[in-house]
PDB file of N, CA and C in Angstrom:
ATOM      1  N   MET A   1     -12.696   8.866 -12.399  1.00  0.00           N
ATOM      2  CA  MET A   1     -12.266  10.350 -11.361  1.00  0.00           C
ATOM      3  C   MET A   1     -12.481  10.235 -10.714  1.00  0.00           C
ATOM      4  N   TYR A   2     -14.106   9.825 -10.144  1.00  0.00           N
ATOM      5  CA  TYR A   2     -14.889  10.599  -9.437  1.00  0.00           C
ATOM      6  C   TYR A   2     -14.737   9.822  -7.494  1.00  0.00           C
ATOM      7  N   GLN A   3     -14.295   8.224  -8.760  1.00  0.00           N
ATOM      8  CA  GLN A   3     -13.734   7.394  -7.491  1.00  0.00           C
ATOM      9  C   GLN A   3     -13.173   7.237  -6.877  1.00  0.00           C
ATOM     10  N   ASN A   4     -12.160   7.878  -7.730  1.00  0.00           N
ATOM     11  CA  ASN A   4     -10.898   8.277  -6.782  1.00  0.00           C
ATOM     12  C   ASN A   4     -10.310   9.559  -5.636  1.00  0.00           C
ATOM     13  N   ARG A   5     -11.092  10.418  -6.282  1.00  0.00           N
ATOM     14  CA  ARG A   5     -12.213  11.951  -5.349  1.00  0.00           C
ATOM     15  C   ARG A   5     -12.241  10.753  -3.728  1.00  0.00           C
ATOM     16  N   LEU A   6     -13.445  10.463  -4.898  1.00  0.00           N
ATOM     17  CA  LEU A   6     -14.199  10.191  -3.240  1.00  0.00           C
ATOM     18  C   LEU A   6     -13.801   8.457  -1.845  1.00  0.00           C
ATOM     19  N   LEU A   7     -12.091   7.640  -2.502  1.00  0.00           N
ATOM     20  CA  LEU A   7     -11.529   7.670  -1.540  1.00  0.00           C
ATOM     21  C   LEU A   7     -10.358   7.831  -1.328  1.00  0.00           C
ATOM     22  N   GLU A   8      -9.869   9.612  -2.116  1.00  0.00           N
ATOM     23  CA  GLU A   8      -9.633   9.540  -1.065  1.00  0.00           C
ATOM     24  C   GLU A   8      -9.911  10.870  -0.144  1.00  0.00           C
ATOM     25  N   ILE A   9     -10.655  11.332   0.016  1.00  0.00           N
ATOM     26  CA  ILE A   9     -11.617  11.457   0.702  1.00  0.00           C
ATOM     27  C   ILE A   9     -12.276  10.727   2.043  1.00  0.00           C
ATOM     28  N   LEU A  10     -12.218   9.668   2.005  1.00  0.00           N
ATOM     29  CA  LEU A  10     -12.174   8.925   2.905  1.00  0.00           C
ATOM     30  C   LEU A  10     -11.243   8.992   3.424  1.00  0.00           C
ATOM     31  N   ILE A  11     -10.276   8.496   3.011  1.00  0.00           N
ATOM     32  CA  ILE A  11      -8.578   8.373   3.767  1.00  0.00           C
ATOM     33  C   ILE A  11      -8.838   9.175   4.652  1.00  0.00           C
ATOM     34  N   TYR A  12      -8.408  10.502   3.818  1.00  0.00           N
ATOM     35  CA  TYR A  12      -8.412  11.775   5.107  1.00  0.00           C
ATOM     36  C   TYR A  12      -9.353  11.722   6.398  1.00  0.00           C
ATOM     37  N   LEU A  13     -10.645  11.701   5.757  1.00  0.00           N
ATOM     38  CA  LEU A  13     -11.594  11.576   7.359  1.00  0.00           C
ATOM     39  C   LEU A  13     -10.767  10.109   7.583  1.00  0.00           C
ATOM     40  N   VAL A  14     -10.899   9.299   7.637  1.00  0.00           N
ATOM     41  CA  VAL A  14     -10.512   8.550   8.619  1.00  0.00           C
ATOM     42  C   VAL A  14      -8.935   9.068   9.500  1.00  0.00           C
ATOM     43  N   LEU A  15      -8.630   9.221   8.543  1.00  0.00           N
ATOM     44  CA  LEU A  15      -6.901   9.821   8.833  1.00  0.00           C
ATOM     45  C   LEU A  15      -7.213  11.004  10.009  1.00  0.00           C
ATOM     46  N   SER A  16      -7.715  12.154  10.248  1.00  0.00           N
ATOM     47  CA  SER A  16      -8.029  12.753  10.831  1.00  0.00           C
ATOM     48  C   SER A  16      -8.988  12.301  11.730  1.00  0.00           C
ATOM     49  N   LEU A  17      -9.935  11.684  11.662  1.00  0.00           N
ATOM     50  CA  LEU A  17     -10.359  11.165  13.215  1.00  0.00           C
ATOM     51  C   LEU A  17      -9.810  10.366  14.106  1.00  0.00           C
ATOM     52  N   ILE A  18      -8.591   9.879  13.721  1.00  0.00           N
ATOM     53  CA  ILE A  18      -7.554   8.525  14.503  1.00  0.00           C
ATOM     54  C   ILE A  18      -6.537  10.192  15.314  1.00  0.00           C
ATOM     55  N   PHE A  19      -6.274  10.932  14.992  1.00  0.00           N
ATOM     56  CA  PHE A  19      -5.591  11.907  15.064  1.00  0.00           C
ATOM     57  C   PHE A  19      -6.845  12.823  15.761  1.00  0.00           C
ATOM     58  N   LEU A  20      -7.664  12.532  15.803  1.00  0.00           N
ATOM     59  CA  LEU A  20      -8.652  13.768  16.603  1.00  0.00           C
ATOM     60  C   LEU A  20      -8.582  12.870  17.204  1.00  0.00           C
ATOM     61  N   VAL A  21      -8.923  11.692  17.966  1.00  0.00           N
ATOM     62  CA  VAL A  21      -9.345  10.967  18.387  1.00  0.00           C
ATOM     63  C   VAL A  21      -8.021  10.464  20.086  1.00  0.00           C
ATOM     64  N   LEU A  22      -6.357  11.058  19.058  1.00  0.00           N
ATOM     65  CA  LEU A  22      -5.286  10.455  19.666  1.00  0.00           C
ATOM     66  C   LEU A  22      -5.888  12.027  20.847  1.00  0.00           C
ATOM     67  N   GLY A  23      -5.870  12.532  19.647  1.00  0.00           N
ATOM     68  CA  GLY A  23      -5.290  14.344  20.507  1.00  0.00           C
ATOM     69  C   GLY A  23      -6.467  14.545  21.730  1.00  0.00           C
ATOM     70  N   ILE A  24      -7.519  13.683  21.263  1.00  0.00           N
ATOM     71  CA  ILE A  24      -8.027  13.914  23.012  1.00  0.00           C
ATOM     72  C   ILE A  24      -8.442  13.077  24.185  1.00  0.00           C
ATOM     73  N   LEU A  25      -7.218  11.607  22.952  1.00  0.00           N
ATOM     74  CA  LEU A  25      -6.448  11.026  24.392  1.00  0.00           C
ATOM     75  C   LEU A  25      -5.344  11.610  25.189  1.00  0.00           C
ATOM     76  N   SER A  26      -5.095  12.585  24.684  1.00  0.00           N
ATOM     77  CA  SER A  26      -4.055  13.064  24.525  1.00  0.00           C
ATOM     78  C   SER A  26      -4.293  14.433  25.299  1.00  0.00           C
ATOM     79  N   MET A  27      -5.190  14.648  25.539  1.00  0.00           N
ATOM     80  CA  MET A  27      -5.014  16.215  26.327  1.00  0.00           C
ATOM     81  C   MET A  27      -6.005  15.550  27.577  1.00  0.00           C
ATOM     82  N   LEU A  28      -6.944  13.923  27.567  1.00  0.00           N
ATOM     83  CA  LEU A  28      -7.453  14.025  28.907  1.00  0.00           C
ATOM     84  C   LEU A  28      -5.757  13.192  30.060  1.00  0.00           C
ATOM     85  N   GLY A  29      -5.846  12.934  29.404  1.00  0.00           N
ATOM     86  CA  GLY A  29      -4.211  12.086  30.178  1.00  0.00           C
ATOM     87  C   GLY A  29      -4.268  10.112  29.475  1.00  0.00           C
ATOM     88  N   LEU A  30      -4.288  10.190  28.850  1.00  0.00           N
ATOM     89  CA  LEU A  30      -5.037   8.625  28.457  1.00  0.00           C
ATOM     90  C   LEU A  30      -3.513   7.879  28.320  1.00  0.00           C
ATOM     91  N   LEU A  31      -2.967   9.822  27.011  1.00  0.00           N
ATOM     92  CA  LEU A  31      -1.849   8.991  26.528  1.00  0.00           C
ATOM     93  C   LEU A  31      -0.630  10.293  26.029  1.00  0.00           C
ATOM     94  N   LEU A  32       0.109   9.748  25.862  1.00  0.00           N
ATOM     95  CA  LEU A  32       0.968  11.057  25.517  1.00  0.00           C
ATOM     96  C   LEU A  32       0.779  12.388  26.420  1.00  0.00           C
ATOM     97  N   ALA A  33      -0.006  12.324  26.755  1.00  0.00           N
ATOM     98  CA  ALA A  33      -0.040  13.665  28.194  1.00  0.00           C
ATOM     99  C   ALA A  33       0.540  14.890  28.483  1.00  0.00           C
ATOM    100  N   ASN A  34       1.373  15.549  26.774  1.00  0.00           N
ATOM    101  CA  ASN A  34       2.729  16.097  26.727  1.00  0.00           C
ATOM    102  C   ASN A  34       1.897  17.112  25.627  1.00  0.00           C
ATOM    103  N   VAL A  35       2.019  18.632  26.249  1.00  0.00           N
ATOM    104  CA  VAL A  35       1.044  19.355  25.386  1.00  0.00           C
ATOM    105  C   VAL A  35       1.355  19.645  23.983  1.00  0.00           C
ATOM    106  N   ASN A  36       2.426  19.076  23.854  1.00  0.00           N
ATOM    107  CA  ASN A  36       3.796  19.365  22.862  1.00  0.00           C
ATOM    108  C   ASN A  36       2.329  18.496  21.426  1.00  0.00           C
ATOM    109  N   TYR A  37       2.878  16.883  22.181  1.00  0.00           N
ATOM    110  CA  TYR A  37       1.617  16.106  21.899  1.00  0.00           C
ATOM    111  C   TYR A  37       0.528  16.346  20.623  1.00  0.00           C
ATOM    112  N   GLN A  38       0.020  17.320  21.801  1.00  0.00           N
ATOM    113  CA  GLN A  38      -1.964  17.557  21.356  1.00  0.00           C
ATOM    114  C   GLN A  38      -1.543  18.214  20.913  1.00  0.00           C
ATOM    115  N   VAL A  39      -1.215  19.446  20.299  1.00  0.00           N
ATOM    116  CA  VAL A  39      -1.239  20.419  19.380  1.00  0.00           C
ATOM    117  C   VAL A  39      -0.721  20.087  18.583  1.00  0.00           C
ATOM    118  N   LEU A  40       0.735  18.870  18.197  1.00  0.00           N
ATOM    119  CA  LEU A  40       0.267  17.482  17.185  1.00  0.00           C
ATOM    120  C   LEU A  40      -0.081  16.756  16.668  1.00  0.00           C
ATOM    121  N   PHE A  41      -1.053  16.750  17.331  1.00  0.00           N
ATOM    122  CA  PHE A  41      -2.074  15.465  17.138  1.00  0.00           C
ATOM    123  C   PHE A  41      -3.385  16.532  16.315  1.00  0.00           C
ATOM    124  N   PHE A  42      -3.898  18.276  16.957  1.00  0.00           N
ATOM    125  CA  PHE A  42      -4.587  18.939  16.736  1.00  0.00           C
ATOM    126  C   PHE A  42      -4.444  19.925  15.552  1.00  0.00           C
ATOM    127  N   ILE A  43      -3.089  19.201  15.285  1.00  0.00           N
ATOM    128  CA  ILE A  43      -2.584  19.970  14.015  1.00  0.00           C
ATOM    129  C   ILE A  43      -2.389  18.841  13.107  1.00  0.00           C
ATOM    130  N   LEU A  44      -2.641  17.384  13.168  1.00  0.00           N
ATOM    131  CA  LEU A  44      -2.395  17.015  12.088  1.00  0.00           C
ATOM    132  C   LEU A  44      -3.950  16.807  11.933  1.00  0.00           C
ATOM    133  N   THR A  45      -5.380  16.226  12.754  1.00  0.00           N
ATOM    134  CA  THR A  45      -6.590  16.669  12.236  1.00  0.00           C
ATOM    135  C   THR A  45      -7.083  17.872  11.380  1.00  0.00           C
ATOM    136  N   ALA A  46      -6.527  18.812  11.927  1.00  0.00           N
ATOM    137  CA  ALA A  46      -7.060  19.760  11.214  1.00  0.00           C
ATOM    138  C   ALA A  46      -6.091  19.848   9.545  1.00  0.00           C
ATOM    139  N   PHE A  47      -4.709  20.079   9.519  1.00  0.00           N
ATOM    140  CA  PHE A  47      -4.445  19.503   7.961  1.00  0.00           C
ATOM    141  C   PHE A  47      -4.954  18.050   6.919  1.00  0.00           C
ATOM    142  N   PHE A  48      -5.197  17.098   7.861  1.00  0.00           N
ATOM    143  CA  PHE A  48      -6.254  16.204   6.408  1.00  0.00           C
ATOM    144  C   PHE A  48      -7.331  16.212   6.822  1.00  0.00           C
ATOM    145  N   PHE A  49      -8.243  17.361   8.161  1.00  0.00           N
ATOM    146  CA  PHE A  49      -9.395  17.592   6.736  1.00  0.00           C
ATOM    147  C   PHE A  49      -9.817  18.330   6.757  1.00  0.00           C
ATOM    148  N   PHE A  50      -8.712  19.714   5.842  1.00  0.00           N
ATOM    149  CA  PHE A  50      -9.518  20.503   5.590  1.00  0.00           C
ATOM    150  C   PHE A  50      -8.248  19.755   3.653  1.00  0.00           C
ATOM    151  N   ALA A  51      -7.562  19.551   4.289  1.00  0.00           N
ATOM    152  CA  ALA A  51      -7.438  18.042   2.914  1.00  0.00           C
ATOM    153  C   ALA A  51      -8.036  17.896   2.147  1.00  0.00           C
ATOM    154  N   MET A  52      -9.209  16.666   2.368  1.00  0.00           N
ATOM    155  CA  MET A  52     -10.262  16.530   2.292  1.00  0.00           C
ATOM    156  C   MET A  52     -10.787  17.963   0.590  1.00  0.00           C
ATOM    157  N   PHE A  53     -11.305  18.873   0.695  1.00  0.00           N
ATOM    158  CA  PHE A  53     -12.069  20.338   0.663  1.00  0.00           C
ATOM    159  C   PHE A  53     -10.644  21.050  -0.208  1.00  0.00           C
ATOM    160  N   ARG A  54      -9.874  20.617  -0.123  1.00  0.00           N
ATOM    161  CA  ARG A  54      -9.049  20.906  -1.859  1.00  0.00           C
ATOM    162  C   ARG A  54      -9.772  20.811  -3.223  1.00  0.00           C
ATOM    163  N   PRO A  55      -9.420  21.780  -3.705  1.00  0.00           N
ATOM    164  CA  PRO A  55      -9.805  21.620  -5.352  1.00  0.00           C
ATOM    165  C   PRO A  55      -8.557  20.230  -6.252  1.00  0.00           C
ATOM    166  N   THR A  56      -9.661  19.872  -7.120  1.00  0.00           N
ATOM    167  CA  THR A  56      -9.228  18.892  -7.955  1.00  0.00           C
ATOM    168  C   THR A  56      -8.368  19.927  -8.974  1.00  0.00           C
ATOM    169  N   ARG A  57      -8.802  20.971  -9.209  1.00  0.00           N
ATOM    170  CA  ARG A  57      -8.587  21.495 -10.839  1.00  0.00           C
ATOM    171  C   ARG A  57      -7.993  23.190 -10.953  1.00  0.00           C
ATOM    172  N   LEU A  58      -7.584  23.489 -11.723  1.00  0.00           N
ATOM    173  CA  LEU A  58      -7.844  25.189 -11.807  1.00  0.00           C
ATOM    174  C   LEU A  58      -9.058  26.060 -12.393  1.00  0.00           C
ATOM    175  N   LEU A  59      -9.211  26.272 -12.531  1.00  0.00           N
ATOM    176  CA  LEU A  59      -9.850  27.031 -13.293  1.00  0.00           C
ATOM    177  C   LEU A  59     -10.016  27.613 -14.359  1.00  0.00           C
TER     178      LEU A  59
END
């Protein structure tokens, strides 16, 4: 159980870092320099970052 949760956290962390880098590249104009893509990448970053901290079970 613990190893599965750790793997899930690592996957979310990697995905959030990927979308963060894409958002920064978009903000700098190096990749898809459209404001809509910047917002999308940063929303996906926040989604995957906060998904790491979701509770595993209800109290």
